[in-house]
Amino acid sequence: MNHIKHIETILYVSNQQASTLFYTKLLRQEPILNVPGMTEFKLGENFKLGIMPNEGIAKILLETLPHPDLGVGIPRCELYFTVSHIYDEYNHAIQSGAKLISPIAERDWGDVVCYFSDLDGHIIAYAEKINKIT
């Protein structure tokens, strides 16, 4: 996919400020952009995570799709992070205020994974390859 130069996943949130504080703590980094209507975190060389208020995207969607406020608390996406130390990330997520959905467990696709949700119900997974768990 050489034609795609950059990827940004944007989460629609009820409260941009609260979500920015949550993700700043969870990701252990300050946003690279934080203005009314958009917050961005650089998570990789070609990948950013965006935070946009529901009202902001609703102006673009107009009457074409349901208002994002109707989906608050309903899992609408998953951020799947492969990490080196899942137990450290598990504890950090709890300390950051993430809501535990499923504790660390072996999954049949070859990862050990735990699941959390953010303030709006978006799913956050931390995974580690089973063969790397000691």
N, C-alpha and C. Protein backbone atom coordinates (compact mmCIF):
# COMPACT_ATOMS: atom_id res chain seq x y z
N MET A 1 0.83 -1.19 0.00
CA MET A 1 0.00 0.00 0.00
C MET A 1 0.87 1.25 0.00
N ASN A 2 1.73 1.38 -0.95
CA ASN A 2 2.62 2.53 -1.03
C ASN A 2 1.89 3.83 -1.30
N HIS A 3 0.66 3.76 -1.77
CA HIS A 3 -0.09 4.98 -2.06
C HIS A 3 -0.58 5.67 -0.78
N ILE A 4 -0.64 4.96 0.32
CA ILE A 4 -1.05 5.56 1.60
C ILE A 4 0.21 6.00 2.34
N LYS A 5 0.32 7.28 2.58
CA LYS A 5 1.53 7.84 3.18
C LYS A 5 1.43 8.02 4.69
N HIS A 6 0.22 8.13 5.20
CA HIS A 6 0.03 8.41 6.62
C HIS A 6 -1.34 7.89 7.04
N ILE A 7 -1.44 7.43 8.27
CA ILE A 7 -2.71 6.96 8.81
C ILE A 7 -3.02 7.74 10.08
N GLU A 8 -4.27 8.17 10.20
CA GLU A 8 -4.73 8.79 11.44
C GLU A 8 -6.08 8.19 11.78
N THR A 9 -6.18 7.67 12.97
CA THR A 9 -7.45 7.18 13.49
C THR A 9 -8.00 8.28 14.40
N ILE A 10 -9.25 8.66 14.17
CA ILE A 10 -9.85 9.74 14.96
C ILE A 10 -11.01 9.18 15.77
N LEU A 11 -10.94 9.38 17.08
CA LEU A 11 -12.00 8.97 17.99
C LEU A 11 -12.93 10.15 18.21
N TYR A 12 -14.23 9.91 18.09
CA TYR A 12 -15.22 10.94 18.39
C TYR A 12 -15.57 10.82 19.86
N VAL A 13 -15.50 11.92 20.59
CA VAL A 13 -15.64 11.90 22.03
C VAL A 13 -16.64 12.94 22.52
N SER A 14 -17.18 12.68 23.69
CA SER A 14 -18.13 13.61 24.30
C SER A 14 -17.45 14.86 24.83
N ASN A 15 -16.26 14.69 25.38
CA ASN A 15 -15.56 15.80 26.03
C ASN A 15 -14.10 15.76 25.60
N GLN A 16 -13.73 16.64 24.69
CA GLN A 16 -12.36 16.65 24.16
C GLN A 16 -11.33 16.85 25.26
N GLN A 17 -11.57 17.77 26.16
CA GLN A 17 -10.61 18.06 27.22
C GLN A 17 -10.40 16.85 28.12
N ALA A 18 -11.48 16.22 28.56
CA ALA A 18 -11.35 15.05 29.44
C ALA A 18 -10.66 13.90 28.72
N SER A 19 -11.01 13.68 27.45
CA SER A 19 -10.37 12.60 26.69
C SER A 19 -8.90 12.90 26.43
N THR A 20 -8.57 14.17 26.20
CA THR A 20 -7.17 14.54 26.01
C THR A 20 -6.37 14.24 27.26
N LEU A 21 -6.89 14.58 28.42
CA LEU A 21 -6.20 14.29 29.68
C LEU A 21 -6.06 12.78 29.88
N PHE A 22 -7.11 12.02 29.58
CA PHE A 22 -7.08 10.57 29.72
C PHE A 22 -5.99 9.97 28.82
N TYR A 23 -5.99 10.34 27.54
CA TYR A 23 -5.02 9.75 26.60
C TYR A 23 -3.60 10.27 26.84
N THR A 24 -3.45 11.49 27.34
CA THR A 24 -2.12 11.99 27.70
C THR A 24 -1.52 11.09 28.77
N LYS A 25 -2.31 10.77 29.76
CA LYS A 25 -1.82 9.90 30.84
C LYS A 25 -1.64 8.47 30.34
N LEU A 26 -2.62 7.94 29.63
CA LEU A 26 -2.55 6.56 29.16
C LEU A 26 -1.37 6.34 28.22
N LEU A 27 -1.16 7.27 27.29
CA LEU A 27 -0.10 7.12 26.29
C LEU A 27 1.26 7.62 26.77
N ARG A 28 1.28 8.25 27.94
CA ARG A 28 2.51 8.78 28.52
C ARG A 28 3.19 9.80 27.59
N GLN A 29 2.38 10.65 26.98
CA GLN A 29 2.93 11.68 26.10
C GLN A 29 1.94 12.82 25.96
N GLU A 30 2.50 13.98 25.64
CA GLU A 30 1.69 15.16 25.37
C GLU A 30 1.22 15.11 23.91
N PRO A 31 0.07 15.67 23.63
CA PRO A 31 -0.37 15.73 22.23
C PRO A 31 0.54 16.64 21.40
N ILE A 32 0.62 16.33 20.11
CA ILE A 32 1.39 17.19 19.20
C ILE A 32 0.53 18.34 18.68
N LEU A 33 -0.79 18.19 18.81
CA LEU A 33 -1.75 19.23 18.45
C LEU A 33 -2.87 19.18 19.47
N ASN A 34 -3.25 20.33 19.99
CA ASN A 34 -4.37 20.38 20.94
C ASN A 34 -5.03 21.74 20.81
N VAL A 35 -6.01 21.81 19.92
CA VAL A 35 -6.75 23.04 19.66
C VAL A 35 -8.23 22.71 19.77
N PRO A 36 -9.08 23.69 19.97
CA PRO A 36 -10.51 23.39 20.01
C PRO A 36 -10.94 22.65 18.74
N GLY A 37 -11.50 21.48 18.93
CA GLY A 37 -11.98 20.69 17.81
C GLY A 37 -11.08 19.54 17.40
N MET A 38 -9.81 19.51 17.85
CA MET A 38 -8.93 18.39 17.47
C MET A 38 -7.71 18.31 18.38
N THR A 39 -7.44 17.10 18.82
CA THR A 39 -6.22 16.76 19.54
C THR A 39 -5.58 15.62 18.79
N GLU A 40 -4.24 15.64 18.69
CA GLU A 40 -3.53 14.57 18.00
C GLU A 40 -2.33 14.10 18.82
N PHE A 41 -2.14 12.77 18.81
CA PHE A 41 -0.97 12.14 19.42
C PHE A 41 -0.22 11.39 18.33
N LYS A 42 1.07 11.55 18.28
CA LYS A 42 1.88 10.81 17.31
C LYS A 42 2.27 9.48 17.96
N LEU A 43 1.76 8.38 17.40
CA LEU A 43 2.03 7.06 17.98
C LEU A 43 3.06 6.27 17.19
N GLY A 44 3.40 6.73 16.02
CA GLY A 44 4.39 6.06 15.19
C GLY A 44 4.83 7.01 14.09
N GLU A 45 5.82 6.58 13.32
CA GLU A 45 6.35 7.43 12.26
C GLU A 45 5.25 7.91 11.31
N ASN A 46 4.31 7.03 10.97
CA ASN A 46 3.26 7.36 10.01
C ASN A 46 1.86 7.19 10.58
N PHE A 47 1.74 7.28 11.90
CA PHE A 47 0.42 7.05 12.51
C PHE A 47 0.16 8.05 13.62
N LYS A 48 -1.03 8.67 13.57
CA LYS A 48 -1.48 9.56 14.63
C LYS A 48 -2.85 9.10 15.13
N LEU A 49 -3.09 9.36 16.41
CA LEU A 49 -4.39 9.15 17.02
C LEU A 49 -5.01 10.52 17.26
N GLY A 50 -6.20 10.73 16.71
CA GLY A 50 -6.89 12.00 16.87
C GLY A 50 -8.06 11.89 17.82
N ILE A 51 -8.38 12.99 18.47
CA ILE A 51 -9.53 13.10 19.36
C ILE A 51 -10.35 14.28 18.86
N MET A 52 -11.60 14.01 18.47
CA MET A 52 -12.47 15.07 17.95
C MET A 52 -13.80 15.04 18.71
N PRO A 53 -14.28 16.20 19.12
CA PRO A 53 -15.57 16.22 19.81
C PRO A 53 -16.70 15.75 18.89
N ASN A 54 -17.67 15.07 19.49
CA ASN A 54 -18.84 14.61 18.73
C ASN A 54 -19.47 15.75 17.94
N GLU A 55 -19.56 16.93 18.55
CA GLU A 55 -20.19 18.07 17.88
C GLU A 55 -19.42 18.48 16.63
N GLY A 56 -18.10 18.32 16.65
CA GLY A 56 -17.29 18.69 15.49
C GLY A 56 -17.58 17.83 14.28
N ILE A 57 -17.62 16.51 14.48
CA ILE A 57 -17.89 15.62 13.35
C ILE A 57 -19.36 15.70 12.95
N ALA A 58 -20.24 15.99 13.90
CA ALA A 58 -21.67 16.10 13.58
C ALA A 58 -21.91 17.20 12.55
N LYS A 59 -21.10 18.26 12.58
CA LYS A 59 -21.24 19.35 11.60
C LYS A 59 -20.90 18.87 10.19
N ILE A 60 -20.01 17.89 10.11
CA ILE A 60 -19.63 17.35 8.80
C ILE A 60 -20.65 16.32 8.34
N LEU A 61 -21.13 15.51 9.28
CA LEU A 61 -22.08 14.45 8.94
C LEU A 61 -23.46 14.98 8.59
N LEU A 62 -23.79 16.14 9.18
CA LEU A 62 -25.10 16.76 8.99
C LEU A 62 -26.22 15.76 9.25
N GLU A 63 -27.11 15.57 8.32
CA GLU A 63 -28.25 14.67 8.50
C GLU A 63 -28.01 13.29 7.88
N THR A 64 -26.80 13.06 7.35
CA THR A 64 -26.53 11.83 6.61
C THR A 64 -26.42 10.60 7.50
N LEU A 65 -25.86 10.76 8.68
CA LEU A 65 -25.66 9.65 9.62
C LEU A 65 -26.14 10.07 11.00
N PRO A 66 -26.40 9.12 11.90
CA PRO A 66 -26.82 9.48 13.26
C PRO A 66 -25.76 10.32 13.96
N HIS A 67 -26.20 11.17 14.85
CA HIS A 67 -25.30 12.00 15.64
C HIS A 67 -24.43 11.09 16.51
N PRO A 68 -23.12 11.34 16.60
CA PRO A 68 -22.24 10.50 17.41
C PRO A 68 -22.62 10.42 18.88
N ASP A 69 -23.32 11.41 19.40
CA ASP A 69 -23.77 11.34 20.80
C ASP A 69 -24.63 10.11 21.05
N LEU A 70 -25.28 9.61 20.01
CA LEU A 70 -26.14 8.42 20.17
C LEU A 70 -25.32 7.15 20.40
N GLY A 71 -24.01 7.21 20.15
CA GLY A 71 -23.17 6.03 20.31
C GLY A 71 -22.26 6.07 21.52
N VAL A 72 -22.36 7.10 22.35
CA VAL A 72 -21.49 7.20 23.52
C VAL A 72 -21.74 6.00 24.43
N GLY A 73 -20.65 5.35 24.81
CA GLY A 73 -20.73 4.18 25.67
C GLY A 73 -20.88 2.88 24.91
N ILE A 74 -21.12 2.98 23.62
CA ILE A 74 -21.22 1.80 22.76
C ILE A 74 -19.85 1.61 22.11
N PRO A 75 -19.24 0.44 22.22
CA PRO A 75 -17.93 0.25 21.58
C PRO A 75 -18.03 0.49 20.08
N ARG A 76 -17.27 1.46 19.59
CA ARG A 76 -17.31 1.82 18.17
C ARG A 76 -16.00 1.55 17.46
N CYS A 77 -14.94 1.32 18.22
CA CYS A 77 -13.65 0.98 17.61
C CYS A 77 -12.77 0.34 18.67
N GLU A 78 -11.66 -0.20 18.22
CA GLU A 78 -10.69 -0.82 19.13
C GLU A 78 -9.30 -0.35 18.75
N LEU A 79 -8.55 0.09 19.74
CA LEU A 79 -7.13 0.38 19.58
C LEU A 79 -6.39 -0.83 20.13
N TYR A 80 -5.67 -1.54 19.28
CA TYR A 80 -4.98 -2.78 19.67
C TYR A 80 -3.49 -2.50 19.68
N PHE A 81 -2.93 -2.39 20.90
CA PHE A 81 -1.52 -2.06 21.07
C PHE A 81 -0.74 -3.32 21.43
N THR A 82 0.23 -3.69 20.60
CA THR A 82 1.14 -4.78 20.94
C THR A 82 2.27 -4.17 21.76
N VAL A 83 2.51 -4.73 22.93
CA VAL A 83 3.46 -4.15 23.89
C VAL A 83 4.48 -5.20 24.32
N SER A 84 5.51 -4.74 25.02
CA SER A 84 6.57 -5.63 25.50
C SER A 84 6.30 -6.15 26.90
N HIS A 85 5.61 -5.36 27.72
CA HIS A 85 5.38 -5.73 29.12
C HIS A 85 3.91 -5.54 29.46
N ILE A 86 3.11 -6.53 29.17
CA ILE A 86 1.66 -6.39 29.30
C ILE A 86 1.22 -6.12 30.73
N TYR A 87 1.89 -6.71 31.71
CA TYR A 87 1.48 -6.49 33.10
C TYR A 87 1.70 -5.05 33.52
N ASP A 88 2.79 -4.44 33.05
CA ASP A 88 3.02 -3.02 33.33
C ASP A 88 1.94 -2.15 32.68
N GLU A 89 1.59 -2.47 31.43
CA GLU A 89 0.57 -1.69 30.72
C GLU A 89 -0.81 -1.87 31.37
N TYR A 90 -1.10 -3.08 31.79
CA TYR A 90 -2.36 -3.38 32.49
C TYR A 90 -2.49 -2.48 33.72
N ASN A 91 -1.45 -2.46 34.56
CA ASN A 91 -1.49 -1.64 35.77
C ASN A 91 -1.55 -0.15 35.45
N HIS A 92 -0.81 0.27 34.43
CA HIS A 92 -0.82 1.68 34.04
C HIS A 92 -2.21 2.10 33.53
N ALA A 93 -2.85 1.24 32.76
CA ALA A 93 -4.19 1.56 32.25
C ALA A 93 -5.17 1.76 33.40
N ILE A 94 -5.11 0.89 34.38
CA ILE A 94 -5.99 1.04 35.55
C ILE A 94 -5.69 2.35 36.28
N GLN A 95 -4.41 2.66 36.47
CA GLN A 95 -4.02 3.91 37.14
C GLN A 95 -4.42 5.13 36.32
N SER A 96 -4.54 4.97 35.01
CA SER A 96 -4.92 6.08 34.13
C SER A 96 -6.42 6.31 34.07
N GLY A 97 -7.19 5.42 34.69
CA GLY A 97 -8.64 5.59 34.71
C GLY A 97 -9.38 4.81 33.66
N ALA A 98 -8.69 3.90 32.96
CA ALA A 98 -9.38 3.07 31.97
C ALA A 98 -10.26 2.06 32.70
N LYS A 99 -11.39 1.74 32.10
CA LYS A 99 -12.33 0.79 32.69
C LYS A 99 -11.97 -0.62 32.20
N LEU A 100 -11.72 -1.53 33.13
CA LEU A 100 -11.36 -2.90 32.78
C LEU A 100 -12.57 -3.62 32.19
N ILE A 101 -12.38 -4.20 31.02
CA ILE A 101 -13.41 -4.99 30.35
C ILE A 101 -13.11 -6.48 30.46
N SER A 102 -11.85 -6.87 30.24
CA SER A 102 -11.44 -8.26 30.30
C SER A 102 -9.99 -8.33 30.75
N PRO A 103 -9.70 -9.08 31.81
CA PRO A 103 -8.33 -9.14 32.33
C PRO A 103 -7.39 -9.87 31.37
N ILE A 104 -6.13 -9.85 31.71
CA ILE A 104 -5.10 -10.51 30.90
C ILE A 104 -5.44 -12.00 30.77
N ALA A 105 -5.49 -12.47 29.52
CA ALA A 105 -5.79 -13.89 29.26
C ALA A 105 -5.20 -14.29 27.92
N GLU A 106 -4.87 -15.57 27.81
CA GLU A 106 -4.43 -16.10 26.53
C GLU A 106 -5.60 -16.14 25.58
N ARG A 107 -5.35 -15.70 24.35
CA ARG A 107 -6.38 -15.71 23.32
C ARG A 107 -5.96 -16.71 22.24
N ASP A 108 -6.93 -17.25 21.52
CA ASP A 108 -6.64 -18.33 20.58
C ASP A 108 -5.92 -17.87 19.31
N TRP A 109 -5.65 -16.58 19.15
CA TRP A 109 -4.91 -16.10 17.98
C TRP A 109 -3.42 -15.92 18.27
N GLY A 110 -2.96 -16.35 19.47
CA GLY A 110 -1.54 -16.34 19.77
C GLY A 110 -1.06 -15.17 20.60
N ASP A 111 -1.97 -14.40 21.15
CA ASP A 111 -1.60 -13.27 22.01
C ASP A 111 -2.19 -13.46 23.40
N VAL A 112 -1.54 -12.85 24.36
CA VAL A 112 -2.12 -12.63 25.68
C VAL A 112 -2.63 -11.20 25.63
N VAL A 113 -3.91 -10.98 25.98
CA VAL A 113 -4.52 -9.67 25.77
C VAL A 113 -5.40 -9.30 26.96
N CYS A 114 -5.43 -8.02 27.29
CA CYS A 114 -6.40 -7.47 28.23
C CYS A 114 -7.12 -6.33 27.52
N TYR A 115 -8.37 -6.11 27.92
CA TYR A 115 -9.22 -5.11 27.27
C TYR A 115 -9.74 -4.10 28.28
N PHE A 116 -9.73 -2.84 27.86
CA PHE A 116 -10.24 -1.73 28.64
C PHE A 116 -11.16 -0.89 27.76
N SER A 117 -11.86 0.06 28.38
CA SER A 117 -12.57 1.07 27.58
C SER A 117 -12.16 2.45 28.07
N ASP A 118 -12.26 3.42 27.17
CA ASP A 118 -11.98 4.80 27.53
C ASP A 118 -13.25 5.46 28.04
N LEU A 119 -13.24 6.76 28.16
CA LEU A 119 -14.37 7.50 28.72
C LEU A 119 -15.63 7.41 27.87
N ASP A 120 -15.48 7.13 26.56
CA ASP A 120 -16.62 7.08 25.65
C ASP A 120 -16.98 5.67 25.21
N GLY A 121 -16.30 4.67 25.76
CA GLY A 121 -16.60 3.28 25.40
C GLY A 121 -15.75 2.72 24.28
N HIS A 122 -14.79 3.48 23.75
CA HIS A 122 -13.87 2.93 22.77
C HIS A 122 -13.00 1.88 23.45
N ILE A 123 -12.72 0.80 22.78
CA ILE A 123 -11.97 -0.31 23.37
C ILE A 123 -10.47 -0.10 23.17
N ILE A 124 -9.72 -0.39 24.22
CA ILE A 124 -8.26 -0.33 24.20
C ILE A 124 -7.76 -1.71 24.62
N ALA A 125 -6.99 -2.33 23.75
CA ALA A 125 -6.44 -3.66 24.05
C ALA A 125 -4.93 -3.57 24.14
N TYR A 126 -4.38 -4.26 25.12
CA TYR A 126 -2.91 -4.42 25.21
C TYR A 126 -2.63 -5.88 24.98
N ALA A 127 -1.70 -6.16 24.06
CA ALA A 127 -1.41 -7.54 23.68
C ALA A 127 0.09 -7.80 23.71
N GLU A 128 0.40 -9.03 23.99
CA GLU A 128 1.79 -9.48 23.93
C GLU A 128 1.76 -10.90 23.36
N LYS A 129 2.70 -11.21 22.52
CA LYS A 129 2.79 -12.56 21.94
C LYS A 129 2.97 -13.57 23.06
N ILE A 130 2.26 -14.69 22.99
CA ILE A 130 2.32 -15.70 24.04
C ILE A 130 3.74 -16.19 24.26
N ASN A 131 4.49 -16.41 23.20
CA ASN A 131 5.85 -16.94 23.35
C ASN A 131 6.79 -15.96 24.02
N LYS A 132 6.40 -14.70 24.21
CA LYS A 132 7.26 -13.71 24.86
C LYS A 132 6.92 -13.53 26.33
N ILE A 133 5.81 -14.07 26.79
CA ILE A 133 5.39 -13.93 28.19
C ILE A 133 6.26 -14.84 29.04
N THR A 134 6.81 -14.28 30.12
CA THR A 134 7.63 -15.07 31.03
C THR A 134 7.10 -14.96 32.43
